């Protein structure tokens, strides 16, 4: 059975291809890519955003007769606390599998593009 490579290997490979393709297109393409990197969400920010959205959703849908939604807010608060204390959350692993990169990985692409120009 063929295993999928770990997320960091897939991301690193995809980044290398992106840098090579962008550099081959010239300086204008490099500048456009650098601007896109300025807007890219890293995995930590995306994780915090996802957890905060879950907290707001739970609080917004809460009604006394449907108290279960309050549990979502509590779970989100617990995840946010864990993230603040450890720098990691379960959402981060899922987001990595979806291809989101760390701030360091984004910065490495930025440096590679700058060096190629």
PDB file of N, CA and C in Angstrom:
ATOM      1  N   UNK A   1       0.840  -1.184   0.000  1.00  0.00           N
ATOM      2  CA  UNK A   1       0.000   0.000   0.000  1.00  0.00           C
ATOM      3  C   UNK A   1       0.887   1.251   0.000  1.00  0.00           C
ATOM      4  N   UNK A   2       0.619   2.175  -0.892  1.00  0.00           N
ATOM      5  CA  UNK A   2       1.404   3.393  -1.008  1.00  0.00           C
ATOM      6  C   UNK A   2       0.960   4.405   0.043  1.00  0.00           C
ATOM      7  N   UNK A   3       1.931   4.921   0.781  1.00  0.00           N
ATOM      8  CA  UNK A   3       1.635   5.934   1.797  1.00  0.00           C
ATOM      9  C   UNK A   3       1.838   7.321   1.221  1.00  0.00           C
ATOM     10  N   UNK A   4       1.033   8.239   1.679  1.00  0.00           N
ATOM     11  CA  UNK A   4       1.231   9.632   1.297  1.00  0.00           C
ATOM     12  C   UNK A   4       2.439  10.178   2.043  1.00  0.00           C
ATOM     13  N   UNK A   5       3.256  11.003   1.383  1.00  0.00           N
ATOM     14  CA  UNK A   5       4.385  11.598   2.099  1.00  0.00           C
ATOM     15  C   UNK A   5       3.864  12.562   3.161  1.00  0.00           C
ATOM     16  N   UNK A   6       4.653  12.781   4.210  1.00  0.00           N
ATOM     17  CA  UNK A   6       4.226  13.729   5.250  1.00  0.00           C
ATOM     18  C   UNK A   6       3.948  15.107   4.651  1.00  0.00           C
ATOM     19  N   UNK A   7       3.107  15.842   5.342  1.00  0.00           N
ATOM     20  CA  UNK A   7       2.685  17.159   4.849  1.00  0.00           C
ATOM     21  C   UNK A   7       3.874  18.067   4.579  1.00  0.00           C
ATOM     22  N   UNK A   8       4.864  18.064   5.467  1.00  0.00           N
ATOM     23  CA  UNK A   8       5.988  18.986   5.273  1.00  0.00           C
ATOM     24  C   UNK A   8       6.775  18.668   4.005  1.00  0.00           C
ATOM     25  N   UNK A   9       6.851  17.389   3.630  1.00  0.00           N
ATOM     26  CA  UNK A   9       7.545  17.027   2.388  1.00  0.00           C
ATOM     27  C   UNK A   9       6.756  17.490   1.166  1.00  0.00           C
ATOM     28  N   UNK A  10       5.445  17.295   1.195  1.00  0.00           N
ATOM     29  CA  UNK A  10       4.608  17.745   0.072  1.00  0.00           C
ATOM     30  C   UNK A  10       4.676  19.261  -0.080  1.00  0.00           C
ATOM     31  N   UNK A  11       4.619  19.953   1.050  1.00  0.00           N
ATOM     32  CA  UNK A  11       4.656  21.412   1.025  1.00  0.00           C
ATOM     33  C   UNK A  11       6.007  21.901   0.511  1.00  0.00           C
ATOM     34  N   UNK A  12       7.083  21.298   0.980  1.00  0.00           N
ATOM     35  CA  UNK A  12       8.426  21.707   0.550  1.00  0.00           C
ATOM     36  C   UNK A  12       8.611  21.490  -0.954  1.00  0.00           C
ATOM     37  N   UNK A  13       8.125  20.348  -1.435  1.00  0.00           N
ATOM     38  CA  UNK A  13       8.233  20.033  -2.865  1.00  0.00           C
ATOM     39  C   UNK A  13       7.419  21.037  -3.697  1.00  0.00           C
ATOM     40  N   UNK A  14       6.198  21.306  -3.255  1.00  0.00           N
ATOM     41  CA  UNK A  14       5.334  22.254  -3.966  1.00  0.00           C
ATOM     42  C   UNK A  14       5.952  23.657  -3.983  1.00  0.00           C
ATOM     43  N   UNK A  15       6.566  24.044  -2.870  1.00  0.00           N
ATOM     44  CA  UNK A  15       7.204  25.358  -2.791  1.00  0.00           C
ATOM     45  C   UNK A  15       8.389  25.451  -3.746  1.00  0.00           C
ATOM     46  N   UNK A  16       9.197  24.403  -3.811  1.00  0.00           N
ATOM     47  CA  UNK A  16      10.348  24.401  -4.725  1.00  0.00           C
ATOM     48  C   UNK A  16       9.906  24.561  -6.171  1.00  0.00           C
ATOM     49  N   UNK A  17       8.851  23.849  -6.535  1.00  0.00           N
ATOM     50  CA  UNK A  17       8.320  23.952  -7.897  1.00  0.00           C
ATOM     51  C   UNK A  17       7.805  25.366  -8.150  1.00  0.00           C
ATOM     52  N   UNK A  18       7.095  25.924  -7.184  1.00  0.00           N
ATOM     53  CA  UNK A  18       6.539  27.271  -7.329  1.00  0.00           C
ATOM     54  C   UNK A  18       7.646  28.308  -7.505  1.00  0.00           C
ATOM     55  N   UNK A  19       8.710  28.197  -6.722  1.00  0.00           N
ATOM     56  CA  UNK A  19       9.822  29.147  -6.831  1.00  0.00           C
ATOM     57  C   UNK A  19      10.461  29.048  -8.213  1.00  0.00           C
ATOM     58  N   UNK A  20      10.723  27.831  -8.667  1.00  0.00           N
ATOM     59  CA  UNK A  20      11.359  27.646  -9.979  1.00  0.00           C
ATOM     60  C   UNK A  20      10.482  28.201 -11.104  1.00  0.00           C
ATOM     61  N   UNK A  21       9.204  27.892 -11.076  1.00  0.00           N
ATOM     62  CA  UNK A  21       8.294  28.380 -12.124  1.00  0.00           C
ATOM     63  C   UNK A  21       8.174  29.896 -12.105  1.00  0.00           C
ATOM     64  N   UNK A  22       8.066  30.452 -10.904  1.00  0.00           N
ATOM     65  CA  UNK A  22       7.916  31.903 -10.788  1.00  0.00           C
ATOM     66  C   UNK A  22       9.182  32.615 -11.252  1.00  0.00           C
ATOM     67  N   UNK A  23      10.339  32.130 -10.823  1.00  0.00           N
ATOM     68  CA  UNK A  23      11.608  32.749 -11.218  1.00  0.00           C
ATOM     69  C   UNK A  23      11.791  32.696 -12.732  1.00  0.00           C
ATOM     70  N   UNK A  24      11.361  31.604 -13.352  1.00  0.00           N
ATOM     71  CA  UNK A  24      11.498  31.458 -14.805  1.00  0.00           C
ATOM     72  C   UNK A  24      10.629  32.455 -15.566  1.00  0.00           C
ATOM     73  N   UNK A  25       9.569  32.933 -14.946  1.00  0.00           N
ATOM     74  CA  UNK A  25       8.666  33.886 -15.609  1.00  0.00           C
ATOM     75  C   UNK A  25       9.164  35.323 -15.538  1.00  0.00           C
ATOM     76  N   UNK A  26      10.179  35.572 -14.720  1.00  0.00           N
ATOM     77  CA  UNK A  26      10.779  36.900 -14.688  1.00  0.00           C
ATOM     78  C   UNK A  26      10.429  37.731 -13.471  1.00  0.00           C
ATOM     79  N   UNK A  27      11.019  38.937 -13.408  1.00  0.00           N
ATOM     80  CA  UNK A  27      10.887  39.805 -12.233  1.00  0.00           C
ATOM     81  C   UNK A  27       9.454  40.215 -11.900  1.00  0.00           C
ATOM     82  N   UNK A  28       8.629  40.452 -12.909  1.00  0.00           N
ATOM     83  CA  UNK A  28       7.241  40.843 -12.625  1.00  0.00           C
ATOM     84  C   UNK A  28       6.487  39.725 -11.917  1.00  0.00           C
ATOM     85  N   UNK A  29       6.716  38.501 -12.350  1.00  0.00           N
ATOM     86  CA  UNK A  29       6.070  37.352 -11.711  1.00  0.00           C
ATOM     87  C   UNK A  29       6.564  37.187 -10.281  1.00  0.00           C
ATOM     88  N   UNK A  30       7.850  37.434 -10.071  1.00  0.00           N
ATOM     89  CA  UNK A  30       8.406  37.342  -8.715  1.00  0.00           C
ATOM     90  C   UNK A  30       7.742  38.379  -7.815  1.00  0.00           C
ATOM     91  N   UNK A  31       7.600  39.611  -8.301  1.00  0.00           N
ATOM     92  CA  UNK A  31       6.948  40.655  -7.497  1.00  0.00           C
ATOM     93  C   UNK A  31       5.498  40.299  -7.178  1.00  0.00           C
ATOM     94  N   UNK A  32       4.782  39.761  -8.168  1.00  0.00           N
ATOM     95  CA  UNK A  32       3.384  39.351  -7.918  1.00  0.00           C
ATOM     96  C   UNK A  32       3.332  38.255  -6.858  1.00  0.00           C
ATOM     97  N   UNK A  33       4.248  37.301  -6.950  1.00  0.00           N
ATOM     98  CA  UNK A  33       4.264  36.203  -5.979  1.00  0.00           C
ATOM     99  C   UNK A  33       4.616  36.723  -4.587  1.00  0.00           C
ATOM    100  N   UNK A  34       5.551  37.644  -4.497  1.00  0.00           N
ATOM    101  CA  UNK A  34       5.908  38.212  -3.196  1.00  0.00           C
ATOM    102  C   UNK A  34       4.714  38.932  -2.574  1.00  0.00           C
ATOM    103  N   UNK A  35       3.939  39.632  -3.393  1.00  0.00           N
ATOM    104  CA  UNK A  35       2.722  40.288  -2.879  1.00  0.00           C
ATOM    105  C   UNK A  35       1.705  39.256  -2.397  1.00  0.00           C
ATOM    106  N   UNK A  36       1.593  38.163  -3.132  1.00  0.00           N
ATOM    107  CA  UNK A  36       0.664  37.100  -2.718  1.00  0.00           C
ATOM    108  C   UNK A  36       1.113  36.490  -1.396  1.00  0.00           C
ATOM    109  N   UNK A  37       2.413  36.346  -1.205  1.00  0.00           N
ATOM    110  CA  UNK A  37       2.925  35.796   0.052  1.00  0.00           C
ATOM    111  C   UNK A  37       2.612  36.716   1.226  1.00  0.00           C
ATOM    112  N   UNK A  38       2.560  38.025   0.972  1.00  0.00           N
ATOM    113  CA  UNK A  38       2.205  38.974   2.039  1.00  0.00           C
ATOM    114  C   UNK A  38       0.799  38.710   2.572  1.00  0.00           C
ATOM    115  N   UNK A  39      -0.067  38.181   1.720  1.00  0.00           N
ATOM    116  CA  UNK A  39      -1.468  37.944   2.107  1.00  0.00           C
ATOM    117  C   UNK A  39      -1.741  36.503   2.543  1.00  0.00           C
ATOM    118  N   UNK A  40      -0.767  35.620   2.382  1.00  0.00           N
ATOM    119  CA  UNK A  40      -1.004  34.205   2.684  1.00  0.00           C
ATOM    120  C   UNK A  40      -1.137  33.974   4.189  1.00  0.00           C
ATOM    121  N   UNK A  41      -2.175  33.248   4.565  1.00  0.00           N
ATOM    122  CA  UNK A  41      -2.369  32.879   5.973  1.00  0.00           C
ATOM    123  C   UNK A  41      -1.431  31.735   6.321  1.00  0.00           C
ATOM    124  N   UNK A  42      -0.685  31.899   7.405  1.00  0.00           N
ATOM    125  CA  UNK A  42       0.119  30.767   7.855  1.00  0.00           C
ATOM    126  C   UNK A  42      -0.738  29.869   8.741  1.00  0.00           C
ATOM    127  N   UNK A  43      -0.230  28.692   9.034  1.00  0.00           N
ATOM    128  CA  UNK A  43      -1.024  27.685   9.738  1.00  0.00           C
ATOM    129  C   UNK A  43      -1.432  28.164  11.134  1.00  0.00           C
ATOM    130  N   UNK A  44      -0.576  28.925  11.798  1.00  0.00           N
ATOM    131  CA  UNK A  44      -0.917  29.393  13.144  1.00  0.00           C
ATOM    132  C   UNK A  44      -2.067  30.395  13.097  1.00  0.00           C
ATOM    133  N   UNK A  45      -1.989  31.349  12.196  1.00  0.00           N
ATOM    134  CA  UNK A  45      -3.075  32.332  12.090  1.00  0.00           C
ATOM    135  C   UNK A  45      -4.371  31.674  11.648  1.00  0.00           C
ATOM    136  N   UNK A  46      -4.285  30.738  10.713  1.00  0.00           N
ATOM    137  CA  UNK A  46      -5.491  30.046  10.246  1.00  0.00           C
ATOM    138  C   UNK A  46      -6.104  29.220  11.369  1.00  0.00           C
ATOM    139  N   UNK A  47      -5.262  28.594  12.177  1.00  0.00           N
ATOM    140  CA  UNK A  47      -5.748  27.803  13.305  1.00  0.00           C
ATOM    141  C   UNK A  47      -6.474  28.696  14.310  1.00  0.00           C
ATOM    142  N   UNK A  48      -5.881  29.832  14.625  1.00  0.00           N
ATOM    143  CA  UNK A  48      -6.519  30.772  15.548  1.00  0.00           C
ATOM    144  C   UNK A  48      -7.843  31.281  14.982  1.00  0.00           C
ATOM    145  N   UNK A  49      -7.865  31.545  13.695  1.00  0.00           N
ATOM    146  CA  UNK A  49      -9.085  32.008  13.032  1.00  0.00           C
ATOM    147  C   UNK A  49     -10.182  30.948  13.100  1.00  0.00           C
ATOM    148  N   UNK A  50      -9.819  29.711  12.835  1.00  0.00           N
ATOM    149  CA  UNK A  50     -10.778  28.605  12.871  1.00  0.00           C
ATOM    150  C   UNK A  50     -11.353  28.412  14.277  1.00  0.00           C
ATOM    151  N   UNK A  51     -10.493  28.460  15.276  1.00  0.00           N
ATOM    152  CA  UNK A  51     -10.939  28.284  16.659  1.00  0.00           C
ATOM    153  C   UNK A  51     -11.845  29.441  17.083  1.00  0.00           C
ATOM    154  N   UNK A  52     -11.454  30.662  16.737  1.00  0.00           N
ATOM    155  CA  UNK A  52     -12.284  31.825  17.082  1.00  0.00           C
ATOM    156  C   UNK A  52     -13.642  31.749  16.391  1.00  0.00           C
ATOM    157  N   UNK A  53     -13.662  31.313  15.140  1.00  0.00           N
ATOM    158  CA  UNK A  53     -14.935  31.179  14.417  1.00  0.00           C
ATOM    159  C   UNK A  53     -15.837  30.152  15.094  1.00  0.00           C
ATOM    160  N   UNK A  54     -15.251  29.050  15.571  1.00  0.00           N
ATOM    161  CA  UNK A  54     -16.042  28.037  16.276  1.00  0.00           C
ATOM    162  C   UNK A  54     -16.623  28.614  17.564  1.00  0.00           C
ATOM    163  N   UNK A  55     -15.834  29.425  18.272  1.00  0.00           N
ATOM    164  CA  UNK A  55     -16.324  30.042  19.510  1.00  0.00           C
ATOM    165  C   UNK A  55     -17.486  30.990  19.221  1.00  0.00           C
ATOM    166  N   UNK A  56     -17.334  31.819  18.198  1.00  0.00           N
ATOM    167  CA  UNK A  56     -18.417  32.737  17.835  1.00  0.00           C
ATOM    168  C   UNK A  56     -19.655  31.986  17.362  1.00  0.00           C
ATOM    169  N   UNK A  57     -19.461  30.923  16.615  1.00  0.00           N
ATOM    170  CA  UNK A  57     -20.592  30.128  16.141  1.00  0.00           C
ATOM    171  C   UNK A  57     -21.361  29.538  17.321  1.00  0.00           C
ATOM    172  N   UNK A  58     -20.625  28.938  18.263  1.00  0.00           N
ATOM    173  CA  UNK A  58     -21.271  28.357  19.433  1.00  0.00           C
ATOM    174  C   UNK A  58     -22.014  29.391  20.256  1.00  0.00           C
ATOM    175  N   UNK A  59     -21.394  30.554  20.449  1.00  0.00           N
ATOM    176  CA  UNK A  59     -22.044  31.612  21.222  1.00  0.00           C
ATOM    177  C   UNK A  59     -23.251  32.179  20.476  1.00  0.00           C
ATOM    178  N   UNK A  60     -23.118  32.315  19.170  1.00  0.00           N
ATOM    179  CA  UNK A  60     -24.207  32.881  18.375  1.00  0.00           C
ATOM    180  C   UNK A  60     -25.415  31.970  18.256  1.00  0.00           C
ATOM    181  N   UNK A  61     -25.191  30.668  18.262  1.00  0.00           N
ATOM    182  CA  UNK A  61     -26.296  29.717  18.114  1.00  0.00           C
ATOM    183  C   UNK A  61     -26.878  29.259  19.449  1.00  0.00           C
ATOM    184  N   UNK A  62     -26.249  29.692  20.541  1.00  0.00           N
ATOM    185  CA  UNK A  62     -26.726  29.272  21.863  1.00  0.00           C
ATOM    186  C   UNK A  62     -28.111  29.838  22.151  1.00  0.00           C
ATOM    187  N   UNK A  63     -28.955  28.986  22.657  1.00  0.00           N
ATOM    188  CA  UNK A  63     -30.265  29.342  23.203  1.00  0.00           C
ATOM    189  C   UNK A  63     -30.452  28.455  24.432  1.00  0.00           C
ATOM    190  N   UNK A  64     -31.147  28.940  25.446  1.00  0.00           N
ATOM    191  CA  UNK A  64     -31.318  28.111  26.648  1.00  0.00           C
ATOM    192  C   UNK A  64     -31.875  26.721  26.343  1.00  0.00           C
ATOM    193  N   UNK A  65     -32.750  26.628  25.363  1.00  0.00           N
ATOM    194  CA  UNK A  65     -33.325  25.313  25.043  1.00  0.00           C
ATOM    195  C   UNK A  65     -32.378  24.460  24.194  1.00  0.00           C
ATOM    196  N   UNK A  66     -31.313  25.068  23.689  1.00  0.00           N
ATOM    197  CA  UNK A  66     -30.308  24.327  22.911  1.00  0.00           C
ATOM    198  C   UNK A  66     -28.928  24.610  23.493  1.00  0.00           C
ATOM    199  N   UNK A  67     -28.732  24.193  24.711  1.00  0.00           N
ATOM    200  CA  UNK A  67     -27.503  24.512  25.440  1.00  0.00           C
ATOM    201  C   UNK A  67     -26.273  23.807  24.884  1.00  0.00           C
ATOM    202  N   UNK A  68     -26.466  22.818  24.032  1.00  0.00           N
ATOM    203  CA  UNK A  68     -25.330  22.103  23.451  1.00  0.00           C
ATOM    204  C   UNK A  68     -24.375  23.005  22.683  1.00  0.00           C
ATOM    205  N   UNK A  69     -24.901  24.086  22.118  1.00  0.00           N
ATOM    206  CA  UNK A  69     -24.041  25.003  21.379  1.00  0.00           C
ATOM    207  C   UNK A  69     -23.025  25.678  22.292  1.00  0.00           C
ATOM    208  N   UNK A  70     -23.352  25.796  23.559  1.00  0.00           N
ATOM    209  CA  UNK A  70     -22.413  26.385  24.502  1.00  0.00           C
ATOM    210  C   UNK A  70     -21.183  25.493  24.664  1.00  0.00           C
ATOM    211  N   UNK A  71     -21.370  24.191  24.482  1.00  0.00           N
ATOM    212  CA  UNK A  71     -20.239  23.261  24.555  1.00  0.00           C
ATOM    213  C   UNK A  71     -19.221  23.560  23.453  1.00  0.00           C
ATOM    214  N   UNK A  72     -19.697  23.963  22.280  1.00  0.00           N
ATOM    215  CA  UNK A  72     -18.785  24.319  21.194  1.00  0.00           C
ATOM    216  C   UNK A  72     -17.928  25.516  21.589  1.00  0.00           C
ATOM    217  N   UNK A  73     -18.548  26.494  22.231  1.00  0.00           N
ATOM    218  CA  UNK A  73     -17.801  27.659  22.688  1.00  0.00           C
ATOM    219  C   UNK A  73     -16.765  27.252  23.728  1.00  0.00           C
ATOM    220  N   UNK A  74     -17.152  26.385  24.654  1.00  0.00           N
ATOM    221  CA  UNK A  74     -16.216  25.907  25.670  1.00  0.00           C
ATOM    222  C   UNK A  74     -15.068  25.114  25.065  1.00  0.00           C
ATOM    223  N   UNK A  75     -15.377  24.264  24.100  1.00  0.00           N
ATOM    224  CA  UNK A  75     -14.331  23.479  23.436  1.00  0.00           C
ATOM    225  C   UNK A  75     -13.372  24.397  22.684  1.00  0.00           C
ATOM    226  N   UNK A  76     -13.920  25.391  22.012  1.00  0.00           N
ATOM    227  CA  UNK A  76     -13.075  26.334  21.278  1.00  0.00           C
ATOM    228  C   UNK A  76     -12.174  27.112  22.235  1.00  0.00           C
ATOM    229  N   UNK A  77     -12.729  27.530  23.371  1.00  0.00           N
ATOM    230  CA  UNK A  77     -11.922  28.242  24.363  1.00  0.00           C
ATOM    231  C   UNK A  77     -10.803  27.349  24.888  1.00  0.00           C
ATOM    232  N   UNK A  78     -11.099  26.070  25.091  1.00  0.00           N
ATOM    233  CA  UNK A  78     -10.074  25.126  25.546  1.00  0.00           C
ATOM    234  C   UNK A  78      -8.971  24.973  24.507  1.00  0.00           C
ATOM    235  N   UNK A  79      -9.362  24.879  23.237  1.00  0.00           N
ATOM    236  CA  UNK A  79      -8.370  24.763  22.165  1.00  0.00           C
ATOM    237  C   UNK A  79      -7.513  26.020  22.065  1.00  0.00           C
ATOM    238  N   UNK A  80      -8.142  27.171  22.245  1.00  0.00           N
ATOM    239  CA  UNK A  80      -7.400  28.427  22.187  1.00  0.00           C
ATOM    240  C   UNK A  80      -6.409  28.521  23.347  1.00  0.00           C
ATOM    241  N   UNK A  81      -6.822  28.071  24.519  1.00  0.00           N
ATOM    242  CA  UNK A  81      -5.933  28.046  25.679  1.00  0.00           C
ATOM    243  C   UNK A  81      -4.766  27.100  25.422  1.00  0.00           C
ATOM    244  N   UNK A  82      -5.061  25.913  24.905  1.00  0.00           N
ATOM    245  CA  UNK A  82      -3.998  24.953  24.592  1.00  0.00           C
ATOM    246  C   UNK A  82      -3.030  25.547  23.572  1.00  0.00           C
ATOM    247  N   UNK A  83      -3.566  26.194  22.558  1.00  0.00           N
ATOM    248  CA  UNK A  83      -2.735  26.798  21.517  1.00  0.00           C
ATOM    249  C   UNK A  83      -1.836  27.886  22.106  1.00  0.00           C
ATOM    250  N   UNK A  84      -2.387  28.701  22.994  1.00  0.00           N
ATOM    251  CA  UNK A  84      -1.607  29.771  23.614  1.00  0.00           C
ATOM    252  C   UNK A  84      -0.502  29.220  24.508  1.00  0.00           C
ATOM    253  N   UNK A  85      -0.791  28.121  25.199  1.00  0.00           N
ATOM    254  CA  UNK A  85       0.184  27.570  26.137  1.00  0.00           C
ATOM    255  C   UNK A  85       1.246  26.705  25.463  1.00  0.00           C
ATOM    256  N   UNK A  86       0.885  26.015  24.392  1.00  0.00           N
ATOM    257  CA  UNK A  86       1.818  25.061  23.778  1.00  0.00           C
ATOM    258  C   UNK A  86       2.277  25.463  22.384  1.00  0.00           C
ATOM    259  N   UNK A  87       1.574  26.401  21.754  1.00  0.00           N
ATOM    260  CA  UNK A  87       1.906  26.775  20.386  1.00  0.00           C
ATOM    261  C   UNK A  87       1.408  25.777  19.362  1.00  0.00           C
ATOM    262  N   UNK A  88       0.579  24.853  19.778  1.00  0.00           N
ATOM    263  CA  UNK A  88       0.068  23.807  18.895  1.00  0.00           C
ATOM    264  C   UNK A  88      -1.413  23.598  19.179  1.00  0.00           C
ATOM    265  N   UNK A  89      -2.152  23.213  18.160  1.00  0.00           N
ATOM    266  CA  UNK A  89      -3.547  22.829  18.350  1.00  0.00           C
ATOM    267  C   UNK A  89      -3.877  21.710  17.375  1.00  0.00           C
ATOM    268  N   UNK A  90      -4.886  20.905  17.687  1.00  0.00           N
ATOM    269  CA  UNK A  90      -5.279  19.846  16.755  1.00  0.00           C
ATOM    270  C   UNK A  90      -5.644  20.394  15.377  1.00  0.00           C
ATOM    271  N   UNK A  91      -6.176  21.594  15.338  1.00  0.00           N
ATOM    272  CA  UNK A  91      -6.535  22.199  14.052  1.00  0.00           C
ATOM    273  C   UNK A  91      -5.299  22.402  13.179  1.00  0.00           C
ATOM    274  N   UNK A  92      -4.155  22.652  13.803  1.00  0.00           N
ATOM    275  CA  UNK A  92      -2.931  22.890  13.038  1.00  0.00           C
ATOM    276  C   UNK A  92      -2.549  21.663  12.211  1.00  0.00           C
ATOM    277  N   UNK A  93      -2.670  20.486  12.792  1.00  0.00           N
ATOM    278  CA  UNK A  93      -2.352  19.265  12.048  1.00  0.00           C
ATOM    279  C   UNK A  93      -3.252  19.085  10.842  1.00  0.00           C
ATOM    280  N   UNK A  94      -4.523  19.346  11.025  1.00  0.00           N
ATOM    281  CA  UNK A  94      -5.476  19.245   9.920  1.00  0.00           C
ATOM    282  C   UNK A  94      -5.155  20.274   8.838  1.00  0.00           C
ATOM    283  N   UNK A  95      -4.868  21.485   9.250  1.00  0.00           N
ATOM    284  CA  UNK A  95      -4.557  22.537   8.286  1.00  0.00           C
ATOM    285  C   UNK A  95      -3.269  22.239   7.525  1.00  0.00           C
ATOM    286  N   UNK A  96      -2.297  21.610   8.193  1.00  0.00           N
ATOM    287  CA  UNK A  96      -1.060  21.202   7.506  1.00  0.00           C
ATOM    288  C   UNK A  96      -1.377  20.159   6.439  1.00  0.00           C
ATOM    289  N   UNK A  97      -2.252  19.215   6.775  1.00  0.00           N
ATOM    290  CA  UNK A  97      -2.634  18.204   5.789  1.00  0.00           C
ATOM    291  C   UNK A  97      -3.325  18.836   4.588  1.00  0.00           C
ATOM    292  N   UNK A  98      -3.999  19.950   4.810  1.00  0.00           N
ATOM    293  CA  UNK A  98      -4.673  20.661   3.723  1.00  0.00           C
ATOM    294  C   UNK A  98      -3.707  21.534   2.918  1.00  0.00           C
ATOM    295  N   UNK A  99      -2.448  21.611   3.372  1.00  0.00           N
ATOM    296  CA  UNK A  99      -1.431  22.327   2.607  1.00  0.00           C
ATOM    297  C   UNK A  99      -1.043  23.692   3.125  1.00  0.00           C
ATOM    298  N   UNK A 100      -1.595  24.123   4.257  1.00  0.00           N
ATOM    299  CA  UNK A 100      -1.197  25.415   4.799  1.00  0.00           C
ATOM    300  C   UNK A 100       0.216  25.323   5.346  1.00  0.00           C
ATOM    301  N   UNK A 101       0.942  26.407   5.201  1.00  0.00           N
ATOM    302  CA  UNK A 101       2.348  26.419   5.576  1.00  0.00           C
ATOM    303  C   UNK A 101       2.584  27.216   6.851  1.00  0.00           C
ATOM    304  N   UNK A 102       3.721  26.938   7.481  1.00  0.00           N
ATOM    305  CA  UNK A 102       4.120  27.716   8.644  1.00  0.00           C
ATOM    306  C   UNK A 102       4.647  29.065   8.171  1.00  0.00           C
ATOM    307  N   UNK A 103       4.723  30.019   9.089  1.00  0.00           N
ATOM    308  CA  UNK A 103       5.271  31.333   8.752  1.00  0.00           C
ATOM    309  C   UNK A 103       6.711  31.185   8.261  1.00  0.00           C
ATOM    310  N   UNK A 104       7.432  30.273   8.851  1.00  0.00           N
ATOM    311  CA  UNK A 104       8.823  30.035   8.437  1.00  0.00           C
ATOM    312  C   UNK A 104       8.893  29.532   6.996  1.00  0.00           C
ATOM    313  N   UNK A 105       8.011  28.613   6.632  1.00  0.00           N
ATOM    314  CA  UNK A 105       7.999  28.092   5.264  1.00  0.00           C
ATOM    315  C   UNK A 105       7.653  29.184   4.255  1.00  0.00           C
ATOM    316  N   UNK A 106       6.738  30.056   4.620  1.00  0.00           N
ATOM    317  CA  UNK A 106       6.383  31.174   3.741  1.00  0.00           C
ATOM    318  C   UNK A 106       7.582  32.105   3.590  1.00  0.00           C
ATOM    319  N   UNK A 107       8.264  32.367   4.691  1.00  0.00           N
ATOM    320  CA  UNK A 107       9.443  33.232   4.651  1.00  0.00           C
ATOM    321  C   UNK A 107      10.567  32.595   3.832  1.00  0.00           C
ATOM    322  N   UNK A 108      10.711  31.277   3.908  1.00  0.00           N
ATOM    323  CA  UNK A 108      11.731  30.596   3.103  1.00  0.00           C
ATOM    324  C   UNK A 108      11.446  30.760   1.611  1.00  0.00           C
ATOM    325  N   UNK A 109      10.171  30.698   1.227  1.00  0.00           N
ATOM    326  CA  UNK A 109       9.836  30.927  -0.182  1.00  0.00           C
ATOM    327  C   UNK A 109      10.158  32.361  -0.566  1.00  0.00           C
ATOM    328  N   UNK A 110       9.846  33.293   0.310  1.00  0.00           N
ATOM    329  CA  UNK A 110      10.134  34.703   0.044  1.00  0.00           C
ATOM    330  C   UNK A 110      11.645  34.900  -0.188  1.00  0.00           C
ATOM    331  N   UNK A 111      12.456  34.290   0.670  1.00  0.00           N
ATOM    332  CA  UNK A 111      13.911  34.417   0.535  1.00  0.00           C
ATOM    333  C   UNK A 111      14.404  33.786  -0.763  1.00  0.00           C
ATOM    334  N   UNK A 112      13.859  32.616  -1.103  1.00  0.00           N
ATOM    335  CA  UNK A 112      14.267  31.944  -2.342  1.00  0.00           C
ATOM    336  C   UNK A 112      13.899  32.781  -3.561  1.00  0.00           C
ATOM    337  N   UNK A 113      12.726  33.393  -3.537  1.00  0.00           N
ATOM    338  CA  UNK A 113      12.319  34.250  -4.656  1.00  0.00           C
ATOM    339  C   UNK A 113      13.200  35.493  -4.746  1.00  0.00           C
ATOM    340  N   UNK A 114      13.519  36.065  -3.607  1.00  0.00           N
ATOM    341  CA  UNK A 114      14.369  37.254  -3.582  1.00  0.00           C
ATOM    342  C   UNK A 114      15.762  36.922  -4.110  1.00  0.00           C
ATOM    343  N   UNK A 115      16.287  35.762  -3.724  1.00  0.00           N
ATOM    344  CA  UNK A 115      17.603  35.336  -4.199  1.00  0.00           C
ATOM    345  C   UNK A 115      17.607  35.055  -5.697  1.00  0.00           C
ATOM    346  N   UNK A 116      16.461  34.639  -6.235  1.00  0.00           N
ATOM    347  CA  UNK A 116      16.387  34.288  -7.655  1.00  0.00           C
ATOM    348  C   UNK A 116      16.288  35.515  -8.557  1.00  0.00           C
ATOM    349  N   UNK A 117      15.912  36.637  -7.960  1.00  0.00           N
ATOM    350  CA  UNK A 117      15.690  37.848  -8.778  1.00  0.00           C
ATOM    351  C   UNK A 117      16.982  38.566  -9.098  1.00  0.00           C
TER     352      UNK A 117
END
